[in-house]
């Protein structure tokens, strides 16, 4: 059985470099899409929190004070 002409090492290297570059491009694109999804989730989560605060008639400063107090109390309870 006759085989096709064998590729030179230089051709193999060039093919691998081309493949790696294509994969890097795809990875960059996929990372961009993932980052956009994270931003979308963060925005949706923040909108939910904003709605909760609005329903409770609270502003961000009040909520921040309450959360900081809660965290401090919880840390004190855990260390006791």
N, C-alpha and C. Protein backbone atom coordinates (compact mmCIF):
# COMPACT_ATOMS: atom_id res chain seq x y z
N UNK A 1 0.84 -1.18 0.00
CA UNK A 1 0.00 0.00 0.00
C UNK A 1 0.87 1.23 0.00
N UNK A 2 0.60 2.10 -0.91
CA UNK A 2 1.38 3.33 -0.98
C UNK A 2 0.75 4.38 -0.08
N UNK A 3 1.60 5.08 0.62
CA UNK A 3 1.14 6.16 1.48
C UNK A 3 1.43 7.47 0.80
N UNK A 4 0.71 8.51 1.25
CA UNK A 4 0.99 9.84 0.74
C UNK A 4 2.34 10.30 1.23
N UNK A 5 2.78 11.38 0.67
CA UNK A 5 4.08 11.91 1.06
C UNK A 5 4.03 12.34 2.52
N UNK A 6 5.08 12.00 3.24
CA UNK A 6 5.15 12.35 4.65
C UNK A 6 5.40 13.84 4.80
N UNK A 7 4.81 14.39 5.84
CA UNK A 7 5.00 15.81 6.12
C UNK A 7 6.34 16.03 6.78
N UNK A 8 6.93 17.15 6.46
CA UNK A 8 8.19 17.49 7.11
C UNK A 8 7.89 17.98 8.51
N UNK A 9 8.91 17.99 9.33
CA UNK A 9 8.76 18.46 10.69
C UNK A 9 8.33 19.93 10.71
N UNK A 10 8.81 20.69 9.74
CA UNK A 10 8.44 22.10 9.66
C UNK A 10 6.95 22.25 9.36
N UNK A 11 6.41 21.39 8.49
CA UNK A 11 4.98 21.42 8.19
C UNK A 11 4.15 21.03 9.42
N UNK A 12 4.62 20.04 10.14
CA UNK A 12 3.92 19.61 11.36
C UNK A 12 3.92 20.74 12.40
N UNK A 13 5.05 21.41 12.53
CA UNK A 13 5.15 22.53 13.48
C UNK A 13 4.19 23.64 13.06
N UNK A 14 4.18 23.97 11.78
CA UNK A 14 3.31 25.03 11.29
C UNK A 14 1.83 24.69 11.53
N UNK A 15 1.47 23.44 11.31
CA UNK A 15 0.08 23.02 11.55
C UNK A 15 -0.29 23.15 13.02
N UNK A 16 0.59 22.73 13.89
CA UNK A 16 0.33 22.81 15.34
C UNK A 16 0.23 24.27 15.78
N UNK A 17 1.11 25.13 15.26
CA UNK A 17 1.05 26.54 15.60
C UNK A 17 -0.28 27.15 15.15
N UNK A 18 -0.72 26.77 13.96
CA UNK A 18 -1.99 27.27 13.43
C UNK A 18 -3.16 26.78 14.30
N UNK A 19 -3.12 25.53 14.68
CA UNK A 19 -4.15 24.96 15.54
C UNK A 19 -4.19 25.66 16.89
N UNK A 20 -3.03 25.86 17.48
CA UNK A 20 -2.96 26.52 18.79
C UNK A 20 -3.48 27.95 18.69
N UNK A 21 -3.15 28.65 17.64
CA UNK A 21 -3.65 30.02 17.46
C UNK A 21 -5.16 30.03 17.33
N UNK A 22 -5.71 29.08 16.59
CA UNK A 22 -7.16 28.98 16.43
C UNK A 22 -7.82 28.70 17.78
N UNK A 23 -7.21 27.83 18.56
CA UNK A 23 -7.76 27.51 19.89
C UNK A 23 -7.68 28.72 20.82
N UNK A 24 -6.60 29.47 20.75
CA UNK A 24 -6.48 30.68 21.57
C UNK A 24 -7.56 31.69 21.20
N UNK A 25 -7.82 31.83 19.91
CA UNK A 25 -8.86 32.74 19.45
C UNK A 25 -10.22 32.29 19.97
N UNK A 26 -10.48 31.01 19.87
CA UNK A 26 -11.77 30.49 20.36
C UNK A 26 -11.88 30.66 21.86
N UNK A 27 -10.79 30.38 22.59
CA UNK A 27 -10.80 30.53 24.04
C UNK A 27 -11.09 31.97 24.44
N UNK A 28 -10.49 32.92 23.74
CA UNK A 28 -10.72 34.33 24.01
C UNK A 28 -12.19 34.68 23.79
N UNK A 29 -12.77 34.16 22.72
CA UNK A 29 -14.17 34.40 22.42
C UNK A 29 -15.07 33.79 23.49
N UNK A 30 -14.78 32.58 23.88
CA UNK A 30 -15.58 31.89 24.90
C UNK A 30 -15.46 32.62 26.24
N UNK A 31 -14.26 33.11 26.57
CA UNK A 31 -14.06 33.84 27.82
C UNK A 31 -14.87 35.13 27.80
N UNK A 32 -14.93 35.79 26.65
CA UNK A 32 -15.74 37.00 26.52
C UNK A 32 -17.22 36.71 26.77
N UNK A 33 -17.70 35.60 26.22
CA UNK A 33 -19.10 35.22 26.43
C UNK A 33 -19.35 34.89 27.89
N UNK A 34 -18.42 34.18 28.52
CA UNK A 34 -18.56 33.84 29.94
C UNK A 34 -18.58 35.10 30.80
N UNK A 35 -17.70 36.04 30.52
CA UNK A 35 -17.67 37.30 31.26
C UNK A 35 -18.99 38.05 31.11
N UNK A 36 -19.56 38.04 29.91
CA UNK A 36 -20.84 38.70 29.68
C UNK A 36 -21.95 38.03 30.49
N UNK A 37 -21.92 36.71 30.58
CA UNK A 37 -22.91 35.99 31.37
C UNK A 37 -22.77 36.32 32.86
N UNK A 38 -21.52 36.41 33.34
CA UNK A 38 -21.30 36.79 34.74
C UNK A 38 -21.84 38.20 35.01
N UNK A 39 -21.60 39.13 34.08
CA UNK A 39 -22.11 40.50 34.24
C UNK A 39 -23.64 40.50 34.26
N UNK A 40 -24.24 39.71 33.36
CA UNK A 40 -25.69 39.64 33.31
C UNK A 40 -26.26 39.09 34.62
N UNK A 41 -25.62 38.05 35.16
CA UNK A 41 -26.07 37.46 36.43
C UNK A 41 -25.92 38.47 37.56
N UNK A 42 -24.79 39.16 37.61
CA UNK A 42 -24.56 40.16 38.65
C UNK A 42 -25.62 41.26 38.57
N UNK A 43 -25.89 41.74 37.37
CA UNK A 43 -26.89 42.79 37.20
C UNK A 43 -28.27 42.31 37.64
N UNK A 44 -28.62 41.08 37.30
CA UNK A 44 -29.91 40.52 37.70
C UNK A 44 -29.99 40.38 39.22
N UNK A 45 -28.90 39.90 39.83
CA UNK A 45 -28.86 39.77 41.29
C UNK A 45 -28.98 41.13 41.97
N UNK A 46 -28.28 42.12 41.45
CA UNK A 46 -28.35 43.47 42.02
C UNK A 46 -29.74 44.06 41.87
N UNK A 47 -30.38 43.81 40.75
CA UNK A 47 -31.74 44.30 40.55
C UNK A 47 -32.68 43.66 41.57
N UNK A 48 -32.48 42.37 41.84
CA UNK A 48 -33.29 41.68 42.85
C UNK A 48 -33.09 42.29 44.23
N UNK A 49 -31.83 42.53 44.59
CA UNK A 49 -31.55 43.17 45.88
C UNK A 49 -32.13 44.57 45.94
N UNK A 50 -32.03 45.30 44.86
CA UNK A 50 -32.59 46.65 44.80
C UNK A 50 -34.10 46.62 45.01
N UNK A 51 -34.75 45.63 44.42
CA UNK A 51 -36.20 45.50 44.57
C UNK A 51 -36.56 45.19 46.03
N UNK A 52 -35.80 44.32 46.67
CA UNK A 52 -36.04 43.98 48.08
C UNK A 52 -35.90 45.23 48.95
N UNK A 53 -34.84 45.99 48.72
CA UNK A 53 -34.64 47.21 49.48
C UNK A 53 -35.77 48.21 49.24
N UNK A 54 -36.17 48.33 48.00
CA UNK A 54 -37.25 49.24 47.66
C UNK A 54 -38.56 48.83 48.34
N UNK A 55 -38.86 47.54 48.30
CA UNK A 55 -40.08 47.02 48.95
C UNK A 55 -40.06 47.27 50.46
N UNK A 56 -38.85 47.21 51.04
CA UNK A 56 -38.71 47.43 52.48
C UNK A 56 -38.59 48.91 52.82
N UNK A 57 -38.54 49.77 51.83
CA UNK A 57 -38.40 51.20 52.07
C UNK A 57 -37.04 51.58 52.64
N UNK A 58 -36.02 50.83 52.26
CA UNK A 58 -34.67 51.07 52.77
C UNK A 58 -33.78 51.58 51.66
N UNK A 59 -32.73 52.30 52.07
CA UNK A 59 -31.73 52.70 51.09
C UNK A 59 -30.47 51.86 51.32
N UNK A 60 -29.51 52.02 50.45
CA UNK A 60 -28.30 51.18 50.48
C UNK A 60 -27.50 51.37 51.77
N UNK A 61 -27.49 52.59 52.29
CA UNK A 61 -26.74 52.85 53.52
C UNK A 61 -27.33 52.10 54.71
N UNK A 62 -28.66 52.11 54.81
CA UNK A 62 -29.32 51.39 55.90
C UNK A 62 -29.04 49.89 55.79
N UNK A 63 -29.17 49.36 54.59
CA UNK A 63 -28.94 47.93 54.38
C UNK A 63 -27.49 47.57 54.70
N UNK A 64 -26.57 48.42 54.31
CA UNK A 64 -25.15 48.18 54.58
C UNK A 64 -24.89 48.17 56.09
N UNK A 65 -25.47 49.11 56.82
CA UNK A 65 -25.30 49.14 58.27
C UNK A 65 -25.86 47.88 58.92
N UNK A 66 -27.02 47.45 58.47
CA UNK A 66 -27.64 46.24 59.02
C UNK A 66 -26.77 45.02 58.75
N UNK A 67 -26.28 44.90 57.53
CA UNK A 67 -25.44 43.75 57.18
C UNK A 67 -24.13 43.76 57.96
N UNK A 68 -23.52 44.93 58.10
CA UNK A 68 -22.27 45.01 58.86
C UNK A 68 -22.50 44.62 60.32
N UNK A 69 -23.60 45.08 60.89
CA UNK A 69 -23.93 44.73 62.27
C UNK A 69 -24.16 43.22 62.39
N UNK A 70 -24.89 42.65 61.44
CA UNK A 70 -25.16 41.22 61.45
C UNK A 70 -23.86 40.42 61.36
N UNK A 71 -22.99 40.81 60.48
CA UNK A 71 -21.71 40.11 60.30
C UNK A 71 -20.87 40.21 61.56
N UNK A 72 -20.81 41.38 62.15
CA UNK A 72 -20.04 41.56 63.38
C UNK A 72 -20.60 40.69 64.50
N UNK A 73 -21.92 40.67 64.66
CA UNK A 73 -22.55 39.84 65.71
C UNK A 73 -22.28 38.37 65.47
N UNK A 74 -22.36 37.94 64.22
CA UNK A 74 -22.12 36.53 63.90
C UNK A 74 -20.68 36.13 64.19
N UNK A 75 -19.75 37.02 63.86
CA UNK A 75 -18.33 36.73 64.14
C UNK A 75 -18.08 36.66 65.63
N UNK A 76 -18.73 37.53 66.40
CA UNK A 76 -18.58 37.49 67.85
C UNK A 76 -19.15 36.22 68.43
N UNK A 77 -20.30 35.76 67.90
CA UNK A 77 -20.90 34.52 68.37
C UNK A 77 -20.03 33.31 68.05
N UNK A 78 -19.42 33.32 66.87
CA UNK A 78 -18.57 32.20 66.47
C UNK A 78 -17.28 32.14 67.28
N UNK A 79 -16.77 33.28 67.67
CA UNK A 79 -15.51 33.28 68.43
C UNK A 79 -15.75 33.03 69.91
N UNK A 80 -17.00 33.11 70.36
CA UNK A 80 -17.32 32.89 71.78
C UNK A 80 -17.44 31.42 72.10
